[in-house]
Protein backbone atom coordinates (compact mmCIF):
# COMPACT_ATOMS: atom_id res chain seq x y z
CA UNK A 1 0.25 0.19 0.11
CA UNK A 2 0.97 3.35 -0.87
CA UNK A 3 0.41 5.95 1.23
CA UNK A 4 1.77 9.65 1.92
CA UNK A 5 2.02 12.21 5.07
CA UNK A 6 1.85 15.44 4.62
CA UNK A 7 2.60 15.75 8.48
CA UNK A 8 5.35 13.70 9.50
CA UNK A 9 4.62 13.46 13.17
CA UNK A 10 1.44 12.71 13.81
CA UNK A 11 2.33 9.73 10.60
CA UNK A 12 6.12 8.73 13.27
CA UNK A 13 4.25 5.63 14.34
CA UNK A 14 3.32 4.44 10.67
CA UNK A 15 6.57 2.64 9.21
CA UNK A 16 7.33 3.23 4.95
CA UNK A 17 5.21 6.76 4.77
CA UNK A 18 6.42 9.16 2.23
CA UNK A 19 6.33 12.42 3.42
CA UNK A 20 5.50 15.54 1.48
CA UNK A 21 5.78 19.31 2.50
CA UNK A 22 1.97 20.41 2.04
CA UNK A 23 3.69 23.47 -0.43
CA UNK A 24 5.46 20.82 -2.78
CA UNK A 25 2.03 19.72 -3.52
CA UNK A 26 2.22 20.16 -6.92
CA UNK A 27 5.22 18.99 -7.80
CA UNK A 28 4.38 16.12 -6.66
CA UNK A 29 1.01 15.38 -8.19
CA UNK A 30 0.98 12.06 -10.36
CA UNK A 31 2.71 10.89 -6.85
CA UNK A 32 -0.36 11.65 -5.43
CA UNK A 33 -2.61 10.81 -7.78
CA UNK A 34 -0.80 7.13 -7.12
CA UNK A 35 -0.97 6.70 -3.44
CA UNK A 36 -3.79 4.47 -1.66
CA UNK A 37 -4.25 7.20 0.72
CA UNK A 38 -3.60 10.66 2.15
CA UNK A 39 -2.58 11.24 5.86
CA UNK A 40 -2.75 14.50 7.73
CA UNK A 41 -3.31 17.05 4.72
CA UNK A 42 -3.88 20.83 5.63
CA UNK A 43 -6.83 21.70 5.04
CA UNK A 44 -6.27 24.02 2.89
CA UNK A 45 -5.28 21.25 1.08
CA UNK A 46 -8.23 19.21 1.24
CA UNK A 47 -10.70 20.20 -1.39
CA UNK A 48 -7.94 19.79 -4.27
CA UNK A 49 -7.12 16.35 -3.14
CA UNK A 50 -10.59 14.89 -2.87
CA UNK A 51 -12.59 17.14 -5.35
CA UNK A 52 -9.69 17.93 -7.59
CA UNK A 53 -7.77 13.98 -7.70
CA UNK A 54 -9.78 11.82 -5.81
CA UNK A 55 -7.91 10.90 -3.20
CA UNK A 56 -8.53 9.06 0.33
CA UNK A 57 -7.58 10.50 2.84
CA UNK A 58 -7.41 10.02 6.52
CA UNK A 59 -8.68 12.10 8.62
CA UNK A 60 -11.98 11.72 7.51
CA UNK A 61 -13.33 14.86 5.37
CA UNK A 62 -16.04 15.08 8.33
CA UNK A 63 -13.18 15.24 10.60
CA UNK A 64 -11.80 17.87 8.90
CA UNK A 65 -15.01 20.05 7.71
CA UNK A 66 -17.26 19.44 11.23
CA UNK A 67 -13.60 19.60 13.37
CA UNK A 68 -12.54 23.31 11.32
CA UNK A 69 -15.44 25.58 12.79
CA UNK A 70 -17.45 25.50 16.46
CA UNK A 71 -20.63 26.95 15.10
CA UNK A 72 -21.10 23.80 11.84
CA UNK A 73 -20.12 21.69 14.29
CA UNK A 74 -21.91 22.24 17.23
CA UNK A 75 -25.07 22.56 15.02
CA UNK A 76 -24.20 19.48 13.87
CA UNK A 77 -24.67 18.01 17.59
CA UNK A 78 -27.41 20.03 18.46
CA UNK A 79 -29.01 17.84 14.96
CA UNK A 80 -28.26 14.95 16.65
CA UNK A 81 -28.18 14.60 19.96
CA UNK A 82 -29.54 18.08 21.37
CA UNK A 83 -29.78 16.98 24.91
CA UNK A 84 -26.11 16.45 25.50
CA UNK A 85 -25.29 19.95 23.74
CA UNK A 86 -25.23 22.63 26.32
CA UNK A 87 -27.66 25.73 26.46
CA UNK A 88 -25.94 26.79 23.68
CA UNK A 89 -26.94 30.89 21.48
CA UNK A 90 -25.09 31.41 17.85
CA UNK A 91 -26.06 34.47 16.96
CA UNK A 92 -24.61 37.79 15.64
CA UNK A 93 -23.57 41.18 17.39
CA UNK A 94 -26.47 43.42 17.79
CA UNK A 95 -28.10 45.38 20.87
CA UNK A 96 -31.01 42.81 20.59
CA UNK A 97 -29.07 39.10 20.57
CA UNK A 98 -26.83 40.29 23.73
CA UNK A 99 -29.79 41.59 25.91
CA UNK A 100 -30.57 37.80 25.47
CA UNK A 101 -28.41 36.54 25.72
CA UNK A 102 -27.94 38.19 29.11
CA UNK A 103 -31.59 37.33 29.51
CA UNK A 104 -31.08 33.20 29.07
CA UNK A 105 -27.53 32.74 30.86
CA UNK A 106 -26.90 35.74 32.83
CA UNK A 107 -23.68 36.62 34.65
CA UNK A 108 -21.15 34.87 33.99
CA UNK A 109 -21.38 32.89 30.96
CA UNK A 110 -18.24 31.49 28.73
CA UNK A 111 -17.75 32.66 25.30
CA UNK A 112 -15.96 31.00 22.22
CA UNK A 113 -14.09 31.90 19.69
CA UNK A 114 -15.19 30.43 16.53
CA UNK A 115 -11.43 29.03 15.25
CA UNK A 116 -9.04 27.66 18.19
CA UNK A 117 -7.80 25.51 19.96
CA UNK A 118 -6.27 24.93 23.57
CA UNK A 119 -8.56 26.93 25.50
CA UNK A 120 -6.55 29.78 23.80
CA UNK A 121 -10.70 31.52 22.45
CA UNK A 122 -12.50 30.70 25.43
CA UNK A 123 -13.64 33.87 27.86
CA UNK A 124 -15.66 34.47 31.10
CA UNK A 125 -18.15 36.75 30.58
CA UNK A 126 -19.10 37.90 33.72
CA UNK A 127 -20.46 41.55 32.75
CA UNK A 128 -22.14 43.66 30.35
CA UNK A 129 -18.78 44.58 29.73
CA UNK A 130 -16.79 41.32 28.99
CA UNK A 131 -19.38 40.72 26.76
CA UNK A 132 -19.42 44.49 24.68
CA UNK A 133 -15.58 43.83 24.37
CA UNK A 134 -16.01 40.30 22.97
CA UNK A 135 -18.63 40.57 20.45
CA UNK A 136 -16.01 43.60 19.01
CA UNK A 137 -13.85 41.44 17.96
CA UNK A 138 -15.72 38.59 16.89
CA UNK A 139 -18.32 38.92 14.16
CA UNK A 140 -20.21 35.60 15.85
CA UNK A 141 -20.95 35.86 19.19
CA UNK A 142 -21.24 31.49 20.29
CA UNK A 143 -22.34 31.88 23.56
CA UNK A 144 -22.85 28.64 26.19
CA UNK A 145 -23.74 28.90 29.53
CA UNK A 146 -21.44 28.29 32.13
CA UNK A 147 -21.68 24.72 33.83
CA UNK A 148 -21.29 23.83 36.88
CA UNK A 149 -17.83 21.50 36.77
CA UNK A 150 -14.32 21.99 37.79
CA UNK A 151 -13.03 19.11 35.23
CA UNK A 152 -14.11 18.48 32.23
CA UNK A 153 -13.29 14.55 29.38
CA UNK A 154 -10.85 14.18 26.79
CA UNK A 155 -11.75 11.09 24.85
CA UNK A 156 -9.26 10.09 21.90
CA UNK A 157 -11.03 8.15 19.59
CA UNK A 158 -8.77 6.77 16.39
CA UNK A 159 -11.42 4.78 13.87
CA UNK A 160 -14.26 4.11 16.36
CA UNK A 161 -11.58 2.77 18.65
CA UNK A 162 -11.10 4.78 22.12
CA UNK A 163 -7.06 5.32 22.85
CA UNK A 164 -7.07 7.32 25.68
CA UNK A 165 -9.59 8.60 28.11
CA UNK A 166 -8.86 11.05 31.26
CA UNK A 167 -9.96 14.23 33.35
CA UNK A 168 -8.78 17.08 32.88
CA UNK A 169 -8.62 18.99 36.22
CA UNK A 170 -9.76 23.17 36.20
CA UNK A 171 -7.12 24.66 38.26
CA UNK A 172 -8.17 26.56 40.99
CA UNK A 173 -10.39 29.79 40.47
CA UNK A 174 -9.33 28.92 36.58
CA UNK A 175 -12.54 28.19 34.14
CA UNK A 176 -10.67 26.17 31.54
CA UNK A 177 -9.47 22.51 32.10
CA UNK A 178 -7.69 22.45 29.11
CA UNK A 179 -3.88 21.21 29.62
CA UNK A 180 -2.25 23.52 28.06
CA UNK A 181 -3.65 26.47 30.54
CA UNK A 182 -2.46 24.46 33.54
CA UNK A 183 -5.77 21.25 33.39
CA UNK A 184 -4.22 18.58 35.83
CA UNK A 185 -4.84 14.56 34.26
CA UNK A 186 -6.43 12.44 36.22
CA UNK A 187 -7.56 9.14 35.03
CA UNK A 188 -9.58 7.60 37.77
CA UNK A 189 -13.36 6.09 37.40
CA UNK A 190 -13.85 7.72 33.44
CA UNK A 191 -17.78 7.46 32.93
CA UNK A 192 -19.08 4.85 31.14
CA UNK A 193 -21.75 7.45 29.26
CA UNK A 194 -19.50 9.97 28.50
CA UNK A 195 -17.05 6.27 26.32
CA UNK A 196 -20.58 5.84 25.15
CA UNK A 197 -21.55 9.34 23.86
CA UNK A 198 -17.94 10.11 22.07
CA UNK A 199 -18.22 6.90 20.52
CA UNK A 200 -22.02 7.78 18.92
CA UNK A 201 -20.50 11.21 17.93
CA UNK A 202 -17.27 9.35 15.95
CA UNK A 203 -19.46 6.71 13.97
CA UNK A 204 -23.07 8.80 12.90
CA UNK A 205 -20.84 11.57 11.91
CA UNK A 206 -18.24 9.95 10.78
CA UNK A 207 -15.20 11.08 12.54
CA UNK A 208 -12.31 8.93 12.92
CA UNK A 209 -9.44 10.93 14.21
CA UNK A 210 -10.21 13.52 17.43
CA UNK A 211 -9.94 14.31 21.04
CA UNK A 212 -13.55 14.93 22.61
CA UNK A 213 -14.48 16.95 25.15
CA UNK A 214 -17.16 16.17 27.96
CA UNK A 215 -18.04 16.70 30.59
CA UNK A 216 -20.46 15.65 33.22
CA UNK A 217 -22.91 17.09 34.70
CA UNK A 218 -25.30 14.96 38.11
CA UNK A 219 -24.30 11.53 35.61
CA UNK A 220 -25.63 12.80 31.96
CA UNK A 221 -23.02 13.72 29.65
CA UNK A 222 -22.47 17.05 27.67
CA UNK A 223 -20.09 17.62 24.16
CA UNK A 224 -18.34 20.81 23.80
CA UNK A 225 -16.28 20.28 20.55
CA UNK A 226 -14.28 17.55 19.21
CA UNK A 227 -10.86 19.00 17.64
CA UNK A 228 -9.42 16.83 14.55
CA UNK A 229 -6.01 17.42 15.97
CA UNK A 230 -5.57 16.94 19.34
CA UNK A 231 -2.32 16.80 22.34
CA UNK A 232 -0.78 13.79 22.83
CA UNK A 233 -0.15 14.64 27.04
CA UNK A 234 -2.23 11.71 28.90
CA UNK A 235 -1.20 9.52 25.79
CA UNK A 236 1.08 6.43 26.71
CA UNK A 237 3.16 5.52 23.64
CA UNK A 238 1.61 7.84 21.53
CA UNK A 239 2.69 7.38 18.30
CA UNK A 240 2.91 4.30 18.39
CA UNK A 241 -0.53 3.64 19.70
CA UNK A 242 -1.97 5.91 17.69
CA UNK A 243 -0.31 5.17 14.17
CA UNK A 244 -0.96 1.37 14.66
CA UNK A 245 -5.12 2.58 14.87
CA UNK A 246 -4.19 4.41 12.23
CA UNK A 247 -3.15 1.66 10.47
CA UNK A 248 -6.33 -0.11 11.00
CA UNK A 249 -8.99 2.38 9.65
CA UNK A 250 -6.69 2.43 6.01
CA UNK A 251 -6.79 -1.24 6.33
CA UNK A 252 -3.32 -1.87 6.54
CA UNK A 253 -3.16 -3.93 9.71
CA UNK A 254 -6.90 -6.09 10.15
CA UNK A 255 -5.76 -7.31 13.34
CA UNK A 256 -7.93 -5.63 16.05
CA UNK A 257 -4.79 -5.86 18.29
CA UNK A 258 -2.45 -3.29 19.36
CA UNK A 259 0.95 -3.22 19.41
CA UNK A 260 1.77 -5.16 22.68
CA UNK A 261 -0.27 -8.09 21.29
CA UNK A 262 -3.61 -6.86 23.80
CA UNK A 263 -6.92 -5.95 22.69
CA UNK A 264 -8.01 -2.02 21.64
CA UNK A 265 -8.28 -0.11 25.17
CA UNK A 266 -11.53 -1.32 26.78
CA UNK A 267 -12.91 1.25 29.72
CA UNK A 268 -14.78 0.72 32.89
CA UNK A 269 -16.72 3.01 35.30
């Protein structure tokens, strides 16, 4: 099988992969046409590769399109499982809209940038002044109720297989549990309901490489988002285990076992 990767670091666990720099794509069109799979193209490459060349890509097209934009991602969640989405408003930024959001959520609530990762675009809105400052920089208001939690879950799936699941504990007085923002990793007592929700979302939305962020409130799971390109913190032997799961997805390795000869990770509450 001929494999080409556009991200050498994401494919360290897959032997025999040809690396082409994304910006050199048009210098290697014939080689790309002959490849069985193209791995981890950058977002700007996807339409040219899939529609222009008819190529097969990994992660899936849905992983790219939904993972690129929080608005589209959240709308897909709302269509599929609205009971698992925190109270959310996706609106313009008129005075009337701000009044409505203020009345619905009160203060504080959470506002997010549409395209951001690692918690960098998440803001705690504690007053009307905070809200006005936020919308001065953002053309779309993405607002969510602040859930009564001090941690959330990161659940990593590749091809429907759970690679890792762990809590991200929010720093004292903080509101972002992201590890990059100081969140602490805890592997204790992972709720099966959260695993089931992540698997359902991955299966029904055709998401095959993602880290899902899920909160638990009174035993009920709520999905915040997924990240197509997730960090490897909290994943033991990440390159090898993720690489093995990718090989199974693309049919390079049909063995239903991980590189140590054990079945894929099974989690219990």
